[in-house]
Amino acid sequence: MSIRTTLDKDLVRLKELLVEMVEQSKAAVEKSVQSLVQQDIELAQQIIKDDVKINELEEQINNIVIHLIAQQQPVASDLRKIIAALKISNDVERIGDLAVNIAKSILHIGDGPLIKPIVEIPKMADMALDMLKDVIKAYHEEDVELAIRTAEADDAVDQLYGKLIKELLQLMISHPESLSQITQLSFICRHIERVADHTTNMAEHIIYMVKGKKIDLNA
């Protein structure tokens, strides 16, 4: 088997692992929000346990990257794919960690009465998860325009995040006895907002992979 054939095979495997890693991180965030809405403590505990699977995928990706750089002869376009995969996997791993952080906040909240109905937080999560779904597609299809549109959706997430934090701050004043729960809910909002931020980072890496240009989509 030629070096080129082996390299192409490894690049395909790299993409497959990365798409699988994104899907698992996306599912972890979905489950964490479900756990919050249903106050499902067991599900929150399972999310924390399952994070090891995402970490294992990242390690597999890192090993392929090391192999490709050390033993193959990647040209510039190949090298961009390798570097982008490495950077994207780091963002995806952080999204998995954010799902774990949400689950930990749910454990702190417990199954007692909630200070307010959980309506807006799932909406923000759906917006962030739609971004993640689109960025997976943009990566798989190397679609720069979709990557840019995905990043632009972050503004709406930021706006809803700001609205929610203001509401929670007001609740802290009016319901000081529920300070701990409200604090955990604000943490959850922040973690979801960060999912969108990491997705925007992924969009930037996709543009670099395809175009060889670094563009700040957070500006």
Protein backbone atom coordinates (compact mmCIF):
# COMPACT_ATOMS: atom_id res chain seq x y z
CA MET A 1 0.00 0.00 0.00
CA SER A 2 1.40 3.41 -1.00
CA ILE A 3 2.03 6.23 1.46
CA ARG A 4 -0.73 8.28 -0.20
CA THR A 5 -3.27 5.45 0.08
CA THR A 6 -2.41 4.89 3.74
CA LEU A 7 -2.62 8.61 4.45
CA ASP A 8 -6.01 8.92 2.77
CA LYS A 9 -7.29 5.95 4.75
CA ASP A 10 -6.08 7.50 8.02
CA LEU A 11 -7.66 10.86 7.13
CA VAL A 12 -11.01 9.15 6.53
CA ARG A 13 -10.70 7.35 9.87
CA LEU A 14 -9.81 10.65 11.55
CA LYS A 15 -12.98 12.27 10.18
CA GLU A 16 -15.12 9.29 11.22
CA LEU A 17 -13.82 9.39 14.79
CA LEU A 18 -14.30 13.14 15.03
CA VAL A 19 -17.90 12.97 13.76
CA GLU A 20 -18.59 10.19 16.29
CA MET A 21 -17.04 12.28 19.05
CA VAL A 22 -19.22 15.27 18.14
CA GLU A 23 -22.33 13.08 18.11
CA GLN A 24 -21.51 11.73 21.57
CA SER A 25 -20.87 15.20 23.00
CA LYS A 26 -24.08 16.48 21.42
CA ALA A 27 -26.01 13.57 22.96
CA ALA A 28 -24.44 14.30 26.36
CA VAL A 29 -25.65 17.91 26.25
CA GLU A 30 -29.13 16.78 25.14
CA LYS A 31 -29.29 14.31 28.03
CA SER A 32 -28.06 16.91 30.52
CA VAL A 33 -30.91 19.27 29.59
CA GLN A 34 -33.38 16.38 29.73
CA SER A 35 -32.01 15.54 33.17
CA LEU A 36 -32.57 19.14 34.29
CA VAL A 37 -36.14 19.34 32.99
CA GLN A 38 -37.09 15.98 34.49
CA GLN A 39 -34.85 16.39 37.56
CA ASP A 40 -33.51 12.94 36.71
CA ILE A 41 -30.64 12.38 39.13
CA GLU A 42 -29.74 8.94 37.77
CA LEU A 43 -29.41 10.31 34.24
CA ALA A 44 -27.15 13.10 35.50
CA GLN A 45 -24.93 10.51 37.17
CA GLN A 46 -24.81 8.47 33.96
CA ILE A 47 -23.72 11.51 31.93
CA ILE A 48 -20.76 11.96 34.26
CA LYS A 49 -19.80 8.28 33.95
CA ASP A 50 -20.12 8.25 30.15
CA ASP A 51 -17.73 11.18 29.68
CA VAL A 52 -14.84 8.70 29.63
CA LYS A 53 -16.07 7.50 26.21
CA ILE A 54 -15.65 10.98 24.73
CA ASN A 55 -12.19 11.26 26.27
CA GLU A 56 -11.22 7.90 24.75
CA LEU A 57 -12.26 9.09 21.30
CA GLU A 58 -10.14 12.22 21.72
CA GLU A 59 -7.17 10.02 22.63
CA GLN A 60 -7.70 7.90 19.51
CA ILE A 61 -7.79 11.07 17.41
CA ASN A 62 -4.61 12.36 19.03
CA ASN A 63 -2.85 9.05 18.31
CA ILE A 64 -3.84 9.16 14.62
CA VAL A 65 -2.66 12.78 14.37
CA ILE A 66 0.72 11.88 15.88
CA HIS A 67 1.04 8.93 13.51
CA LEU A 68 0.15 11.01 10.46
CA ILE A 69 2.64 13.75 11.25
CA ALA A 70 5.44 11.43 12.34
CA GLN A 71 5.19 8.65 9.74
CA GLN A 72 3.30 9.97 6.71
CA GLN A 73 4.11 12.81 4.33
CA PRO A 74 1.12 15.16 4.51
CA VAL A 75 1.04 17.99 1.99
CA ALA A 76 -0.28 21.43 3.02
CA SER A 77 -3.97 20.61 2.50
CA ASP A 78 -3.59 17.32 4.38
CA LEU A 79 -1.80 19.07 7.20
CA ARG A 80 -4.64 21.57 7.54
CA LYS A 81 -7.11 18.69 7.87
CA ILE A 82 -4.94 17.09 10.54
CA ILE A 83 -4.47 20.32 12.52
CA ALA A 84 -8.16 21.22 12.21
CA ALA A 85 -9.18 17.77 13.47
CA LEU A 86 -6.89 18.15 16.47
CA LYS A 87 -8.28 21.58 17.33
CA ILE A 88 -11.89 20.57 16.76
CA SER A 89 -11.48 17.49 18.96
CA ASN A 90 -10.28 19.76 21.77
CA ASP A 91 -13.42 21.91 21.47
CA VAL A 92 -15.60 18.80 21.31
CA GLU A 93 -13.97 17.39 24.44
CA ARG A 94 -14.73 20.67 26.21
CA ILE A 95 -18.38 20.40 25.13
CA GLY A 96 -18.46 16.95 26.71
CA ASP A 97 -17.00 18.46 29.88
CA LEU A 98 -19.69 21.16 29.82
CA ALA A 99 -22.37 18.45 29.72
CA VAL A 100 -20.71 16.93 32.77
CA ASN A 101 -20.69 20.32 34.49
CA ILE A 102 -24.42 20.69 33.81
CA ALA A 103 -25.00 17.21 35.26
CA LYS A 104 -23.03 18.14 38.39
CA SER A 105 -25.14 21.26 38.84
CA ILE A 106 -28.26 19.09 38.56
CA LEU A 107 -26.93 16.88 41.36
CA HIS A 108 -26.46 20.02 43.48
CA ILE A 109 -30.02 21.15 42.72
CA GLY A 110 -31.48 17.73 43.52
CA ASP A 111 -35.12 16.79 43.08
CA GLY A 112 -36.70 19.47 45.26
CA PRO A 113 -39.09 22.19 44.05
CA LEU A 114 -37.64 24.50 41.40
CA ILE A 115 -37.69 28.28 41.76
CA LYS A 116 -39.19 28.66 38.28
CA PRO A 117 -40.36 26.44 35.40
CA ILE A 118 -37.48 25.26 33.23
CA VAL A 119 -38.58 26.64 29.85
CA GLU A 120 -36.03 29.13 28.53
CA ILE A 121 -32.95 27.04 29.34
CA PRO A 122 -34.01 24.17 27.03
CA LYS A 123 -34.72 26.74 24.30
CA MET A 124 -31.17 28.07 24.59
CA ALA A 125 -29.85 24.51 24.60
CA ASP A 126 -31.82 23.71 21.42
CA MET A 127 -30.26 26.75 19.74
CA ALA A 128 -26.74 25.66 20.74
CA LEU A 129 -27.42 22.06 19.71
CA ASP A 130 -28.74 23.19 16.32
CA MET A 131 -25.42 24.99 15.86
CA LEU A 132 -23.57 21.81 16.77
CA LYS A 133 -25.65 19.77 14.32
CA ASP A 134 -24.90 22.26 11.54
CA VAL A 135 -21.20 22.40 12.32
CA ILE A 136 -20.96 18.59 12.09
CA LYS A 137 -22.49 18.83 8.62
CA ALA A 138 -20.17 21.71 7.68
CA TYR A 139 -17.16 19.66 8.78
CA HIS A 140 -18.25 16.49 7.03
CA GLU A 141 -19.04 18.33 3.76
CA GLU A 142 -16.25 20.94 4.13
CA ASP A 143 -18.93 23.62 3.69
CA VAL A 144 -17.48 27.05 4.52
CA GLU A 145 -20.74 28.96 4.04
CA LEU A 146 -22.56 26.68 6.47
CA ALA A 147 -19.73 27.07 8.97
CA ILE A 148 -20.10 30.86 8.79
CA ARG A 149 -23.89 30.70 9.17
CA THR A 150 -23.46 28.40 12.15
CA ALA A 151 -21.19 30.88 13.90
CA GLU A 152 -23.61 33.74 13.21
CA ALA A 153 -26.29 31.88 15.18
CA ASP A 154 -24.18 32.38 18.32
CA ASP A 155 -25.50 35.95 18.63
CA ALA A 156 -29.01 34.70 19.36
CA VAL A 157 -27.67 32.33 22.02
CA ASP A 158 -25.77 35.20 23.65
CA GLN A 159 -28.89 37.37 23.70
CA LEU A 160 -31.00 34.71 25.37
CA TYR A 161 -28.19 33.98 27.83
CA GLY A 162 -28.08 37.65 28.83
CA LYS A 163 -31.87 37.69 29.31
CA LEU A 164 -31.79 34.56 31.48
CA ILE A 165 -28.95 35.81 33.68
CA LYS A 166 -30.84 39.06 34.34
CA GLU A 167 -33.92 37.07 35.37
CA LEU A 168 -31.89 34.83 37.66
CA LEU A 169 -30.19 37.82 39.29
CA GLN A 170 -33.62 39.29 40.03
CA LEU A 171 -34.69 35.98 41.55
CA MET A 172 -31.63 36.02 43.80
CA ILE A 173 -32.87 39.30 45.24
CA SER A 174 -36.51 38.26 45.61
CA HIS A 175 -35.80 34.69 46.77
CA PRO A 176 -32.56 34.73 48.79
CA GLU A 177 -33.58 31.43 50.41
CA SER A 178 -33.09 29.75 46.99
CA LEU A 179 -29.68 31.29 46.33
CA SER A 180 -27.91 27.93 45.92
CA GLN A 181 -30.37 26.63 43.33
CA ILE A 182 -30.43 29.91 41.39
CA THR A 183 -26.63 29.94 41.35
CA GLN A 184 -26.56 26.43 39.88
CA LEU A 185 -29.14 27.42 37.25
CA SER A 186 -26.95 30.39 36.27
CA PHE A 187 -23.98 28.01 35.97
CA ILE A 188 -26.04 25.78 33.67
CA CYS A 189 -26.93 28.76 31.49
CA ARG A 190 -23.25 29.67 31.26
CA HIS A 191 -22.28 26.11 30.33
CA ILE A 192 -24.85 26.06 27.50
CA GLU A 193 -23.63 29.44 26.26
CA ARG A 194 -20.10 28.02 26.22
CA VAL A 195 -21.29 25.08 24.07
CA ALA A 196 -22.22 27.65 21.41
CA ASP A 197 -18.84 29.37 21.82
CA HIS A 198 -16.93 26.12 21.29
CA THR A 199 -19.11 25.38 18.27
CA THR A 200 -18.12 28.78 16.85
CA ASN A 201 -14.48 27.83 17.39
CA MET A 202 -15.12 24.63 15.43
CA ALA A 203 -16.56 26.68 12.57
CA GLU A 204 -13.35 28.72 12.49
CA HIS A 205 -11.27 25.54 12.31
CA ILE A 206 -13.39 24.28 9.40
CA ILE A 207 -12.77 27.49 7.45
CA TYR A 208 -9.04 27.16 8.13
CA MET A 209 -9.13 23.52 7.00
CA VAL A 210 -10.81 24.36 3.68
CA LYS A 211 -9.45 27.81 2.88
CA GLY A 212 -6.17 27.93 4.78
CA LYS A 213 -7.32 31.21 6.37
CA LYS A 214 -7.77 32.03 10.04
CA ILE A 215 -10.95 34.02 10.59
CA ASP A 216 -12.23 35.27 13.95
CA LEU A 217 -15.95 34.50 13.96
CA ASN A 218 -16.27 35.61 17.60
CA ALA A 219 -15.64 39.23 16.65
